Amino acid sequence: LLLNHGSQKIWPPAFVKVLKSCAAVPEIIEVLFNSYSQIPISEKWVEAVPEEVFQQHQIFYESFFRLAGTVRCLQHLCRSAIRKKFGSKCHCLIPLLPVPKPLHDYLLLEPEGVVL
């Protein structure tokens, strides 16, 4: 929610710390990761997720780590461009767009359970 109101993103090299402390809540990881247009996934990230947490949230973490070394999809890059243009007004401007509710949710970084 704070990201939709202009909150600062996490410094990319500190993302491994977020994984270490929040791995059990993949929704947090998903939202924070999706707040960047592109952020390289490090091998240290894989090591930061405990095996039991990985197994518990396997579908999410497999989709997440599969993005290592790839470019994000065009849909995500468009979302990033729109969010950058709207800035701290995302929370009030995105709902005004004449698009379906699922697209509003996507633009507002609502968790989907996987990362594409």
PDB file of N, CA and C in Angstrom:
ATOM      1  N   LEU A   1       0.823  -1.197   0.000  1.00  0.00           N
ATOM      2  CA  LEU A   1       0.000   0.000   0.000  1.00  0.00           C
ATOM      3  C   LEU A   1       0.862   1.254   0.000  1.00  0.00           C
ATOM      4  N   LEU A   2       1.945   1.233   0.761  1.00  0.00           N
ATOM      5  CA  LEU A   2       2.805   2.413   0.818  1.00  0.00           C
ATOM      6  C   LEU A   2       3.453   2.702  -0.534  1.00  0.00           C
ATOM      7  N   LEU A   3       3.768   1.655  -1.289  1.00  0.00           N
ATOM      8  CA  LEU A   3       4.358   1.863  -2.614  1.00  0.00           C
ATOM      9  C   LEU A   3       3.379   2.584  -3.537  1.00  0.00           C
ATOM     10  N   ASN A   4       2.099   2.392  -3.358  1.00  0.00           N
ATOM     11  CA  ASN A   4       1.091   3.074  -4.169  1.00  0.00           C
ATOM     12  C   ASN A   4       0.914   4.537  -3.761  1.00  0.00           C
ATOM     13  N   HIS A   5       1.517   4.909  -2.646  1.00  0.00           N
ATOM     14  CA  HIS A   5       1.437   6.294  -2.165  1.00  0.00           C
ATOM     15  C   HIS A   5       2.795   6.992  -2.245  1.00  0.00           C
ATOM     16  N   GLY A   6       3.735   6.430  -3.008  1.00  0.00           N
ATOM     17  CA  GLY A   6       5.017   7.086  -3.233  1.00  0.00           C
ATOM     18  C   GLY A   6       6.143   6.704  -2.297  1.00  0.00           C
ATOM     19  N   SER A   7       5.975   5.650  -1.508  1.00  0.00           N
ATOM     20  CA  SER A   7       7.038   5.215  -0.613  1.00  0.00           C
ATOM     21  C   SER A   7       8.281   4.820  -1.410  1.00  0.00           C
ATOM     22  N   GLN A   8       9.440   5.030  -0.809  1.00  0.00           N
ATOM     23  CA  GLN A   8      10.686   4.655  -1.450  1.00  0.00           C
ATOM     24  C   GLN A   8      10.815   3.140  -1.543  1.00  0.00           C
ATOM     25  N   LYS A   9      11.403   2.676  -2.640  1.00  0.00           N
ATOM     26  CA  LYS A   9      11.654   1.251  -2.799  1.00  0.00           C
ATOM     27  C   LYS A   9      12.875   0.854  -1.969  1.00  0.00           C
ATOM     28  N   ILE A  10      13.030  -0.440  -1.785  1.00  0.00           N
ATOM     29  CA  ILE A  10      14.188  -0.966  -1.077  1.00  0.00           C
ATOM     30  C   ILE A  10      15.399  -0.856  -1.986  1.00  0.00           C
ATOM     31  N   TRP A  11      16.526  -0.516  -1.425  1.00  0.00           N
ATOM     32  CA  TRP A  11      17.784  -0.452  -2.175  1.00  0.00           C
ATOM     33  C   TRP A  11      18.054  -1.851  -2.722  1.00  0.00           C
ATOM     34  N   PRO A  12      18.178  -2.015  -4.042  1.00  0.00           N
ATOM     35  CA  PRO A  12      18.292  -3.361  -4.641  1.00  0.00           C
ATOM     36  C   PRO A  12      19.304  -4.307  -3.991  1.00  0.00           C
ATOM     37  N   PRO A  13      20.518  -3.843  -3.634  1.00  0.00           N
ATOM     38  CA  PRO A  13      21.443  -4.781  -2.979  1.00  0.00           C
ATOM     39  C   PRO A  13      20.970  -5.272  -1.598  1.00  0.00           C
ATOM     40  N   ALA A  14      20.006  -4.580  -1.005  1.00  0.00           N
ATOM     41  CA  ALA A  14      19.476  -4.986   0.301  1.00  0.00           C
ATOM     42  C   ALA A  14      18.342  -5.994   0.173  1.00  0.00           C
ATOM     43  N   PHE A  15      17.971  -6.363  -1.057  1.00  0.00           N
ATOM     44  CA  PHE A  15      16.850  -7.269  -1.253  1.00  0.00           C
ATOM     45  C   PHE A  15      17.094  -8.621  -0.594  1.00  0.00           C
ATOM     46  N   VAL A  16      18.346  -9.051  -0.525  1.00  0.00           N
ATOM     47  CA  VAL A  16      18.649 -10.330   0.122  1.00  0.00           C
ATOM     48  C   VAL A  16      18.250 -10.293   1.597  1.00  0.00           C
ATOM     49  N   LYS A  17      18.378  -9.154   2.243  1.00  0.00           N
ATOM     50  CA  LYS A  17      17.962  -9.021   3.644  1.00  0.00           C
ATOM     51  C   LYS A  17      16.449  -9.162   3.772  1.00  0.00           C
ATOM     52  N   VAL A  18      15.723  -8.621   2.806  1.00  0.00           N
ATOM     53  CA  VAL A  18      14.265  -8.753   2.801  1.00  0.00           C
ATOM     54  C   VAL A  18      13.891 -10.222   2.674  1.00  0.00           C
ATOM     55  N   LEU A  19      14.559 -10.933   1.778  1.00  0.00           N
ATOM     56  CA  LEU A  19      14.290 -12.363   1.609  1.00  0.00           C
ATOM     57  C   LEU A  19      14.548 -13.135   2.894  1.00  0.00           C
ATOM     58  N   LYS A  20      15.640 -12.813   3.558  1.00  0.00           N
ATOM     59  CA  LYS A  20      15.972 -13.519   4.797  1.00  0.00           C
ATOM     60  C   LYS A  20      14.906 -13.310   5.866  1.00  0.00           C
ATOM     61  N   SER A  21      14.379 -12.096   5.948  1.00  0.00           N
ATOM     62  CA  SER A  21      13.423 -11.820   7.027  1.00  0.00           C
ATOM     63  C   SER A  21      11.964 -12.046   6.633  1.00  0.00           C
ATOM     64  N   CYS A  22      11.663 -12.049   5.343  1.00  0.00           N
ATOM     65  CA  CYS A  22      10.254 -12.134   4.913  1.00  0.00           C
ATOM     66  C   CYS A  22       9.953 -13.306   3.990  1.00  0.00           C
ATOM     67  N   ALA A  23      10.858 -14.247   3.856  1.00  0.00           N
ATOM     68  CA  ALA A  23      10.673 -15.357   2.907  1.00  0.00           C
ATOM     69  C   ALA A  23       9.393 -16.136   3.158  1.00  0.00           C
ATOM     70  N   ALA A  24       8.972 -16.226   4.397  1.00  0.00           N
ATOM     71  CA  ALA A  24       7.767 -16.998   4.728  1.00  0.00           C
ATOM     72  C   ALA A  24       6.481 -16.306   4.292  1.00  0.00           C
ATOM     73  N   VAL A  25       6.593 -15.059   3.844  1.00  0.00           N
ATOM     74  CA  VAL A  25       5.426 -14.311   3.369  1.00  0.00           C
ATOM     75  C   VAL A  25       5.705 -13.877   1.923  1.00  0.00           C
ATOM     76  N   PRO A  26       5.510 -14.786   0.979  1.00  0.00           N
ATOM     77  CA  PRO A  26       5.880 -14.480  -0.411  1.00  0.00           C
ATOM     78  C   PRO A  26       5.140 -13.291  -1.008  1.00  0.00           C
ATOM     79  N   GLU A  27       3.994 -12.929  -0.459  1.00  0.00           N
ATOM     80  CA  GLU A  27       3.271 -11.764  -0.965  1.00  0.00           C
ATOM     81  C   GLU A  27       4.122 -10.502  -0.832  1.00  0.00           C
ATOM     82  N   ILE A  28       4.869 -10.403   0.262  1.00  0.00           N
ATOM     83  CA  ILE A  28       5.749  -9.249   0.468  1.00  0.00           C
ATOM     84  C   ILE A  28       6.851  -9.245  -0.579  1.00  0.00           C
ATOM     85  N   ILE A  29       7.462 -10.395  -0.782  1.00  0.00           N
ATOM     86  CA  ILE A  29       8.535 -10.510  -1.763  1.00  0.00           C
ATOM     87  C   ILE A  29       8.010 -10.145  -3.147  1.00  0.00           C
ATOM     88  N   GLU A  30       6.848 -10.669  -3.493  1.00  0.00           N
ATOM     89  CA  GLU A  30       6.253 -10.418  -4.807  1.00  0.00           C
ATOM     90  C   GLU A  30       6.010  -8.928  -5.036  1.00  0.00           C
ATOM     91  N   VAL A  31       5.381  -8.268  -4.086  1.00  0.00           N
ATOM     92  CA  VAL A  31       5.062  -6.847  -4.243  1.00  0.00           C
ATOM     93  C   VAL A  31       6.338  -6.021  -4.349  1.00  0.00           C
ATOM     94  N   LEU A  32       7.291  -6.274  -3.481  1.00  0.00           N
ATOM     95  CA  LEU A  32       8.532  -5.494  -3.517  1.00  0.00           C
ATOM     96  C   LEU A  32       9.301  -5.734  -4.816  1.00  0.00           C
ATOM     97  N   PHE A  33       9.384  -6.993  -5.243  1.00  0.00           N
ATOM     98  CA  PHE A  33      10.090  -7.320  -6.482  1.00  0.00           C
ATOM     99  C   PHE A  33       9.400  -6.665  -7.676  1.00  0.00           C
ATOM    100  N   ASN A  34       8.080  -6.684  -7.691  1.00  0.00           N
ATOM    101  CA  ASN A  34       7.334  -6.108  -8.804  1.00  0.00           C
ATOM    102  C   ASN A  34       7.338  -4.583  -8.809  1.00  0.00           C
ATOM    103  N   SER A  35       7.830  -3.962  -7.757  1.00  0.00           N
ATOM    104  CA  SER A  35       7.900  -2.506  -7.739  1.00  0.00           C
ATOM    105  C   SER A  35       9.059  -1.987  -8.593  1.00  0.00           C
ATOM    106  N   TYR A  36       9.924  -2.875  -9.047  1.00  0.00           N
ATOM    107  CA  TYR A  36      11.036  -2.513  -9.930  1.00  0.00           C
ATOM    108  C   TYR A  36      10.722  -2.941 -11.354  1.00  0.00           C
ATOM    109  N   SER A  37      11.168  -2.163 -12.327  1.00  0.00           N
ATOM    110  CA  SER A  37      10.980  -2.587 -13.715  1.00  0.00           C
ATOM    111  C   SER A  37      11.878  -3.784 -14.000  1.00  0.00           C
ATOM    112  N   GLN A  38      13.073  -3.769 -13.450  1.00  0.00           N
ATOM    113  CA  GLN A  38      14.022  -4.872 -13.635  1.00  0.00           C
ATOM    114  C   GLN A  38      14.978  -4.848 -12.454  1.00  0.00           C
ATOM    115  N   ILE A  39      15.206  -5.980 -11.843  1.00  0.00           N
ATOM    116  CA  ILE A  39      16.172  -6.105 -10.751  1.00  0.00           C
ATOM    117  C   ILE A  39      16.807  -7.485 -10.892  1.00  0.00           C
ATOM    118  N   PRO A  40      18.130  -7.539 -10.955  1.00  0.00           N
ATOM    119  CA  PRO A  40      18.782  -8.836 -11.163  1.00  0.00           C
ATOM    120  C   PRO A  40      18.671  -9.741  -9.930  1.00  0.00           C
ATOM    121  N   ILE A  41      18.319 -10.985 -10.180  1.00  0.00           N
ATOM    122  CA  ILE A  41      18.206 -11.969  -9.106  1.00  0.00           C
ATOM    123  C   ILE A  41      19.584 -12.564  -8.862  1.00  0.00           C
ATOM    124  N   SER A  42      20.022 -12.519  -7.629  1.00  0.00           N
ATOM    125  CA  SER A  42      21.345 -12.988  -7.246  1.00  0.00           C
ATOM    126  C   SER A  42      21.286 -14.424  -6.710  1.00  0.00           C
ATOM    127  N   GLU A  43      22.396 -15.129  -6.832  1.00  0.00           N
ATOM    128  CA  GLU A  43      22.501 -16.469  -6.246  1.00  0.00           C
ATOM    129  C   GLU A  43      22.313 -16.413  -4.728  1.00  0.00           C
ATOM    130  N   LYS A  44      22.709 -15.307  -4.116  1.00  0.00           N
ATOM    131  CA  LYS A  44      22.543 -15.145  -2.672  1.00  0.00           C
ATOM    132  C   LYS A  44      21.064 -15.168  -2.296  1.00  0.00           C
ATOM    133  N   TRP A  45      20.202 -14.766  -3.224  1.00  0.00           N
ATOM    134  CA  TRP A  45      18.769 -14.764  -2.951  1.00  0.00           C
ATOM    135  C   TRP A  45      18.271 -16.178  -2.745  1.00  0.00           C
ATOM    136  N   VAL A  46      18.734 -17.099  -3.585  1.00  0.00           N
ATOM    137  CA  VAL A  46      18.315 -18.499  -3.473  1.00  0.00           C
ATOM    138  C   VAL A  46      18.719 -19.045  -2.108  1.00  0.00           C
ATOM    139  N   GLU A  47      19.921 -18.723  -1.687  1.00  0.00           N
ATOM    140  CA  GLU A  47      20.444 -19.192  -0.407  1.00  0.00           C
ATOM    141  C   GLU A  47      19.706 -18.568   0.782  1.00  0.00           C
ATOM    142  N   ALA A  48      19.101 -17.404   0.584  1.00  0.00           N
ATOM    143  CA  ALA A  48      18.426 -16.699   1.674  1.00  0.00           C
ATOM    144  C   ALA A  48      17.075 -17.306   2.034  1.00  0.00           C
ATOM    145  N   VAL A  49      16.513 -18.106   1.143  1.00  0.00           N
ATOM    146  CA  VAL A  49      15.205 -18.708   1.396  1.00  0.00           C
ATOM    147  C   VAL A  49      15.413 -20.093   2.009  1.00  0.00           C
ATOM    148  N   PRO A  50      15.009 -20.297   3.255  1.00  0.00           N
ATOM    149  CA  PRO A  50      15.174 -21.613   3.882  1.00  0.00           C
ATOM    150  C   PRO A  50      14.433 -22.696   3.082  1.00  0.00           C
ATOM    151  N   GLU A  51      14.996 -23.874   3.068  1.00  0.00           N
ATOM    152  CA  GLU A  51      14.441 -24.979   2.281  1.00  0.00           C
ATOM    153  C   GLU A  51      12.985 -25.270   2.641  1.00  0.00           C
ATOM    154  N   GLU A  52      12.650 -25.243   3.930  1.00  0.00           N
ATOM    155  CA  GLU A  52      11.272 -25.545   4.326  1.00  0.00           C
ATOM    156  C   GLU A  52      10.295 -24.464   3.831  1.00  0.00           C
ATOM    157  N   VAL A  53      10.749 -23.210   3.796  1.00  0.00           N
ATOM    158  CA  VAL A  53       9.916 -22.125   3.273  1.00  0.00           C
ATOM    159  C   VAL A  53       9.768 -22.277   1.764  1.00  0.00           C
ATOM    160  N   PHE A  54      10.863 -22.637   1.093  1.00  0.00           N
ATOM    161  CA  PHE A  54      10.803 -22.867  -0.351  1.00  0.00           C
ATOM    162  C   PHE A  54       9.790 -23.963  -0.669  1.00  0.00           C
ATOM    163  N   GLN A  55       9.825 -25.049   0.083  1.00  0.00           N
ATOM    164  CA  GLN A  55       8.896 -26.158  -0.155  1.00  0.00           C
ATOM    165  C   GLN A  55       7.448 -25.740   0.111  1.00  0.00           C
ATOM    166  N   GLN A  56       7.246 -24.961   1.142  1.00  0.00           N
ATOM    167  CA  GLN A  56       5.898 -24.521   1.511  1.00  0.00           C
ATOM    168  C   GLN A  56       5.299 -23.593   0.445  1.00  0.00           C
ATOM    169  N   HIS A  57       6.136 -22.800  -0.192  1.00  0.00           N
ATOM    170  CA  HIS A  57       5.688 -21.826  -1.196  1.00  0.00           C
ATOM    171  C   HIS A  57       6.380 -22.103  -2.534  1.00  0.00           C
ATOM    172  N   GLN A  58       6.454 -23.351  -2.886  1.00  0.00           N
ATOM    173  CA  GLN A  58       7.237 -23.793  -4.038  1.00  0.00           C
ATOM    174  C   GLN A  58       6.792 -23.149  -5.353  1.00  0.00           C
ATOM    175  N   ILE A  59       5.506 -23.062  -5.591  1.00  0.00           N
ATOM    176  CA  ILE A  59       5.026 -22.484  -6.855  1.00  0.00           C
ATOM    177  C   ILE A  59       5.516 -21.044  -7.000  1.00  0.00           C
ATOM    178  N   PHE A  60       5.399 -20.268  -5.926  1.00  0.00           N
ATOM    179  CA  PHE A  60       5.856 -18.882  -5.988  1.00  0.00           C
ATOM    180  C   PHE A  60       7.353 -18.816  -6.211  1.00  0.00           C
ATOM    181  N   TYR A  61       8.134 -19.512  -5.374  1.00  0.00           N
ATOM    182  CA  TYR A  61       9.588 -19.384  -5.461  1.00  0.00           C
ATOM    183  C   TYR A  61      10.154 -19.957  -6.761  1.00  0.00           C
ATOM    184  N   GLU A  62       9.535 -20.969  -7.314  1.00  0.00           N
ATOM    185  CA  GLU A  62       9.986 -21.462  -8.615  1.00  0.00           C
ATOM    186  C   GLU A  62       9.756 -20.400  -9.686  1.00  0.00           C
ATOM    187  N   SER A  63       8.597 -19.742  -9.652  1.00  0.00           N
ATOM    188  CA  SER A  63       8.336 -18.685 -10.636  1.00  0.00           C
ATOM    189  C   SER A  63       9.290 -17.508 -10.420  1.00  0.00           C
ATOM    190  N   PHE A  64       9.592 -17.221  -9.187  1.00  0.00           N
ATOM    191  CA  PHE A  64      10.474 -16.102  -8.834  1.00  0.00           C
ATOM    192  C   PHE A  64      11.900 -16.354  -9.317  1.00  0.00           C
ATOM    193  N   PHE A  65      12.468 -17.485  -8.943  1.00  0.00           N
ATOM    194  CA  PHE A  65      13.859 -17.759  -9.292  1.00  0.00           C
ATOM    195  C   PHE A  65      14.040 -18.106 -10.770  1.00  0.00           C
ATOM    196  N   ARG A  66      12.969 -18.484 -11.439  1.00  0.00           N
ATOM    197  CA  ARG A  66      13.027 -18.760 -12.873  1.00  0.00           C
ATOM    198  C   ARG A  66      13.347 -17.483 -13.661  1.00  0.00           C
ATOM    199  N   LEU A  67      13.116 -16.333 -13.073  1.00  0.00           N
ATOM    200  CA  LEU A  67      13.359 -15.059 -13.756  1.00  0.00           C
ATOM    201  C   LEU A  67      14.833 -14.653 -13.767  1.00  0.00           C
ATOM    202  N   ALA A  68      15.676 -15.393 -13.077  1.00  0.00           N
ATOM    203  CA  ALA A  68      17.108 -15.061 -13.039  1.00  0.00           C
ATOM    204  C   ALA A  68      17.662 -15.027 -14.455  1.00  0.00           C
ATOM    205  N   GLY A  69      18.314 -13.916 -14.790  1.00  0.00           N
ATOM    206  CA  GLY A  69      18.944 -13.775 -16.090  1.00  0.00           C
ATOM    207  C   GLY A  69      17.992 -13.500 -17.242  1.00  0.00           C
ATOM    208  N   THR A  70      16.733 -13.209 -16.941  1.00  0.00           N
ATOM    209  CA  THR A  70      15.760 -12.934 -17.996  1.00  0.00           C
ATOM    210  C   THR A  70      15.302 -11.479 -17.923  1.00  0.00           C
ATOM    211  N   VAL A  71      14.643 -11.056 -18.968  1.00  0.00           N
ATOM    212  CA  VAL A  71      14.028  -9.732 -19.004  1.00  0.00           C
ATOM    213  C   VAL A  71      12.571  -9.911 -18.601  1.00  0.00           C
ATOM    214  N   ARG A  72      12.047  -8.978 -17.844  1.00  0.00           N
ATOM    215  CA  ARG A  72      10.648  -9.059 -17.428  1.00  0.00           C
ATOM    216  C   ARG A  72       9.736  -8.942 -18.638  1.00  0.00           C
ATOM    217  N   CYS A  73       8.524  -9.469 -18.523  1.00  0.00           N
ATOM    218  CA  CYS A  73       7.566  -9.467 -19.633  1.00  0.00           C
ATOM    219  C   CYS A  73       7.121  -8.034 -19.948  1.00  0.00           C
ATOM    220  N   LEU A  74       6.632  -7.851 -21.170  1.00  0.00           N
ATOM    221  CA  LEU A  74       6.189  -6.538 -21.618  1.00  0.00           C
ATOM    222  C   LEU A  74       5.075  -5.990 -20.718  1.00  0.00           C
ATOM    223  N   GLN A  75       4.190  -6.846 -20.266  1.00  0.00           N
ATOM    224  CA  GLN A  75       3.103  -6.412 -19.387  1.00  0.00           C
ATOM    225  C   GLN A  75       3.667  -5.787 -18.115  1.00  0.00           C
ATOM    226  N   HIS A  76       4.682  -6.420 -17.541  1.00  0.00           N
ATOM    227  CA  HIS A  76       5.285  -5.873 -16.318  1.00  0.00           C
ATOM    228  C   HIS A  76       5.989  -4.553 -16.612  1.00  0.00           C
ATOM    229  N   LEU A  77       6.696  -4.481 -17.728  1.00  0.00           N
ATOM    230  CA  LEU A  77       7.400  -3.248 -18.074  1.00  0.00           C
ATOM    231  C   LEU A  77       6.417  -2.098 -18.296  1.00  0.00           C
ATOM    232  N   CYS A  78       5.257  -2.397 -18.881  1.00  0.00           N
ATOM    233  CA  CYS A  78       4.214  -1.376 -19.039  1.00  0.00           C
ATOM    234  C   CYS A  78       3.694  -0.925 -17.680  1.00  0.00           C
ATOM    235  N   ARG A  79       3.489  -1.888 -16.778  1.00  0.00           N
ATOM    236  CA  ARG A  79       3.045  -1.538 -15.422  1.00  0.00           C
ATOM    237  C   ARG A  79       4.057  -0.600 -14.772  1.00  0.00           C
ATOM    238  N   SER A  80       5.325  -0.907 -14.909  1.00  0.00           N
ATOM    239  CA  SER A  80       6.374  -0.077 -14.310  1.00  0.00           C
ATOM    240  C   SER A  80       6.361   1.331 -14.891  1.00  0.00           C
ATOM    241  N   ALA A  81       6.153   1.440 -16.208  1.00  0.00           N
ATOM    242  CA  ALA A  81       6.122   2.751 -16.854  1.00  0.00           C
ATOM    243  C   ALA A  81       4.919   3.571 -16.359  1.00  0.00           C
ATOM    244  N   ILE A  82       3.774   2.936 -16.243  1.00  0.00           N
ATOM    245  CA  ILE A  82       2.576   3.628 -15.752  1.00  0.00           C
ATOM    246  C   ILE A  82       2.782   4.080 -14.313  1.00  0.00           C
ATOM    247  N   ARG A  83       3.313   3.180 -13.474  1.00  0.00           N
ATOM    248  CA  ARG A  83       3.533   3.524 -12.067  1.00  0.00           C
ATOM    249  C   ARG A  83       4.550   4.651 -11.931  1.00  0.00           C
ATOM    250  N   LYS A  84       5.579   4.641 -12.772  1.00  0.00           N
ATOM    251  CA  LYS A  84       6.584   5.708 -12.730  1.00  0.00           C
ATOM    252  C   LYS A  84       5.942   7.041 -13.123  1.00  0.00           C
ATOM    253  N   LYS A  85       5.122   7.035 -14.159  1.00  0.00           N
ATOM    254  CA  LYS A  85       4.445   8.256 -14.626  1.00  0.00           C
ATOM    255  C   LYS A  85       3.497   8.797 -13.552  1.00  0.00           C
ATOM    256  N   PHE A  86       2.738   7.916 -12.898  1.00  0.00           N
ATOM    257  CA  PHE A  86       1.783   8.351 -11.879  1.00  0.00           C
ATOM    258  C   PHE A  86       2.451   8.691 -10.552  1.00  0.00           C
ATOM    259  N   GLY A  87       3.617   8.105 -10.277  1.00  0.00           N
ATOM    260  CA  GLY A  87       4.365   8.397  -9.049  1.00  0.00           C
ATOM    261  C   GLY A  87       3.556   8.156  -7.790  1.00  0.00           C
ATOM    262  N   SER A  88       3.572   9.105  -6.899  1.00  0.00           N
ATOM    263  CA  SER A  88       2.897   8.944  -5.602  1.00  0.00           C
ATOM    264  C   SER A  88       1.377   9.023  -5.717  1.00  0.00           C
ATOM    265  N   LYS A  89       0.880   9.267  -6.901  1.00  0.00           N
ATOM    266  CA  LYS A  89      -0.575   9.351  -7.107  1.00  0.00           C
ATOM    267  C   LYS A  89      -1.167   8.046  -7.654  1.00  0.00           C
ATOM    268  N   CYS A  90      -0.381   6.962  -7.686  1.00  0.00           N
ATOM    269  CA  CYS A  90      -0.878   5.672  -8.189  1.00  0.00           C
ATOM    270  C   CYS A  90      -2.189   5.280  -7.527  1.00  0.00           C
ATOM    271  N   HIS A  91      -2.264   5.442  -6.219  1.00  0.00           N
ATOM    272  CA  HIS A  91      -3.445   5.014  -5.457  1.00  0.00           C
ATOM    273  C   HIS A  91      -4.730   5.703  -5.896  1.00  0.00           C
ATOM    274  N   CYS A  92      -4.635   6.938  -6.408  1.00  0.00           N
ATOM    275  CA  CYS A  92      -5.860   7.625  -6.819  1.00  0.00           C
ATOM    276  C   CYS A  92      -6.036   7.686  -8.335  1.00  0.00           C
ATOM    277  N   LEU A  93      -4.966   7.605  -9.114  1.00  0.00           N
ATOM    278  CA  LEU A  93      -5.092   7.703 -10.567  1.00  0.00           C
ATOM    279  C   LEU A  93      -5.399   6.361 -11.238  1.00  0.00           C
ATOM    280  N   ILE A  94      -4.795   5.285 -10.755  1.00  0.00           N
ATOM    281  CA  ILE A  94      -5.021   3.982 -11.382  1.00  0.00           C
ATOM    282  C   ILE A  94      -6.497   3.583 -11.342  1.00  0.00           C
ATOM    283  N   PRO A  95      -7.212   3.760 -10.235  1.00  0.00           N
ATOM    284  CA  PRO A  95      -8.640   3.406 -10.238  1.00  0.00           C
ATOM    285  C   PRO A  95      -9.480   4.208 -11.239  1.00  0.00           C
ATOM    286  N   LEU A  96      -8.979   5.340 -11.708  1.00  0.00           N
ATOM    287  CA  LEU A  96      -9.704   6.155 -12.674  1.00  0.00           C
ATOM    288  C   LEU A  96      -9.527   5.674 -14.115  1.00  0.00           C
ATOM    289  N   LEU A  97      -8.556   4.800 -14.333  1.00  0.00           N
ATOM    290  CA  LEU A  97      -8.318   4.299 -15.686  1.00  0.00           C
ATOM    291  C   LEU A  97      -9.507   3.458 -16.148  1.00  0.00           C
ATOM    292  N   PRO A  98      -9.918   3.596 -17.409  1.00  0.00           N
ATOM    293  CA  PRO A  98     -11.056   2.822 -17.923  1.00  0.00           C
ATOM    294  C   PRO A  98     -10.643   1.410 -18.344  1.00  0.00           C
ATOM    295  N   VAL A  99     -10.202   0.626 -17.355  1.00  0.00           N
ATOM    296  CA  VAL A  99      -9.772  -0.752 -17.605  1.00  0.00           C
ATOM    297  C   VAL A  99     -10.445  -1.664 -16.578  1.00  0.00           C
ATOM    298  N   PRO A 100     -10.490  -2.968 -16.845  1.00  0.00           N
ATOM    299  CA  PRO A 100     -11.127  -3.901 -15.902  1.00  0.00           C
ATOM    300  C   PRO A 100     -10.440  -3.928 -14.534  1.00  0.00           C
ATOM    301  N   LYS A 101     -11.205  -4.304 -13.522  1.00  0.00           N
ATOM    302  CA  LYS A 101     -10.700  -4.378 -12.134  1.00  0.00           C
ATOM    303  C   LYS A 101      -9.441  -5.234 -12.006  1.00  0.00           C
ATOM    304  N   PRO A 102      -9.353  -6.403 -12.672  1.00  0.00           N
ATOM    305  CA  PRO A 102      -8.114  -7.179 -12.543  1.00  0.00           C
ATOM    306  C   PRO A 102      -6.869  -6.405 -13.003  1.00  0.00           C
ATOM    307  N   LEU A 103      -7.036  -5.535 -13.988  1.00  0.00           N
ATOM    308  CA  LEU A 103      -5.906  -4.728 -14.438  1.00  0.00           C
ATOM    309  C   LEU A 103      -5.591  -3.634 -13.425  1.00  0.00           C
ATOM    310  N   HIS A 104      -6.610  -3.056 -12.800  1.00  0.00           N
ATOM    311  CA  HIS A 104      -6.365  -2.102 -11.702  1.00  0.00           C
ATOM    312  C   HIS A 104      -5.525  -2.783 -10.619  1.00  0.00           C
ATOM    313  N   ASP A 105      -5.946  -3.983 -10.226  1.00  0.00           N
ATOM    314  CA  ASP A 105      -5.234  -4.726  -9.174  1.00  0.00           C
ATOM    315  C   ASP A 105      -3.788  -4.988  -9.575  1.00  0.00           C
ATOM    316  N   TYR A 106      -3.596  -5.370 -10.828  1.00  0.00           N
ATOM    317  CA  TYR A 106      -2.245  -5.643 -11.327  1.00  0.00           C
ATOM    318  C   TYR A 106      -1.383  -4.378 -11.246  1.00  0.00           C
ATOM    319  N   LEU A 107      -1.933  -3.257 -11.679  1.00  0.00           N
ATOM    320  CA  LEU A 107      -1.191  -1.997 -11.659  1.00  0.00           C
ATOM    321  C   LEU A 107      -0.896  -1.537 -10.237  1.00  0.00           C
ATOM    322  N   LEU A 108      -1.777  -1.888  -9.300  1.00  0.00           N
ATOM    323  CA  LEU A 108      -1.580  -1.509  -7.899  1.00  0.00           C
ATOM    324  C   LEU A 108      -0.776  -2.550  -7.120  1.00  0.00           C
ATOM    325  N   LEU A 109      -0.130  -3.473  -7.839  1.00  0.00           N
ATOM    326  CA  LEU A 109       0.791  -4.465  -7.259  1.00  0.00           C
ATOM    327  C   LEU A 109       0.108  -5.462  -6.330  1.00  0.00           C
ATOM    328  N   GLU A 110      -1.162  -5.745  -6.561  1.00  0.00           N
ATOM    329  CA  GLU A 110      -1.831  -6.772  -5.763  1.00  0.00           C
ATOM    330  C   GLU A 110      -1.133  -8.113  -6.015  1.00  0.00           C
ATOM    331  N   PRO A 111      -0.799  -8.867  -4.969  1.00  0.00           N
ATOM    332  CA  PRO A 111      -0.118 -10.153  -5.144  1.00  0.00           C
ATOM    333  C   PRO A 111      -0.960 -11.147  -5.951  1.00  0.00           C
ATOM    334  N   GLU A 112      -0.282 -11.909  -6.820  1.00  0.00           N
ATOM    335  CA  GLU A 112      -0.935 -12.910  -7.646  1.00  0.00           C
ATOM    336  C   GLU A 112      -0.516 -14.335  -7.278  1.00  0.00           C
ATOM    337  N   GLY A 113       0.528 -14.448  -6.460  1.00  0.00           N
ATOM    338  CA  GLY A 113       0.992 -15.767  -6.048  1.00  0.00           C
ATOM    339  C   GLY A 113       2.110 -16.330  -6.906  1.00  0.00           C
ATOM    340  N   VAL A 114       2.380 -15.689  -8.036  1.00  0.00           N
ATOM    341  CA  VAL A 114       3.511 -16.049  -8.905  1.00  0.00           C
ATOM    342  C   VAL A 114       4.079 -14.755  -9.467  1.00  0.00           C
ATOM    343  N   VAL A 115       5.298 -14.865  -9.997  1.00  0.00           N
ATOM    344  CA  VAL A 115       5.942 -13.712 -10.619  1.00  0.00           C
ATOM    345  C   VAL A 115       6.186 -14.053 -12.070  1.00  0.00           C
ATOM    346  N   LEU A 116       5.730 -13.173 -12.953  1.00  0.00           N
ATOM    347  CA  LEU A 116       5.900 -13.380 -14.391  1.00  0.00           C
ATOM    348  C   LEU A 116       6.800 -12.325 -14.991  1.00  0.00           C
TER     349      LEU A 116
END
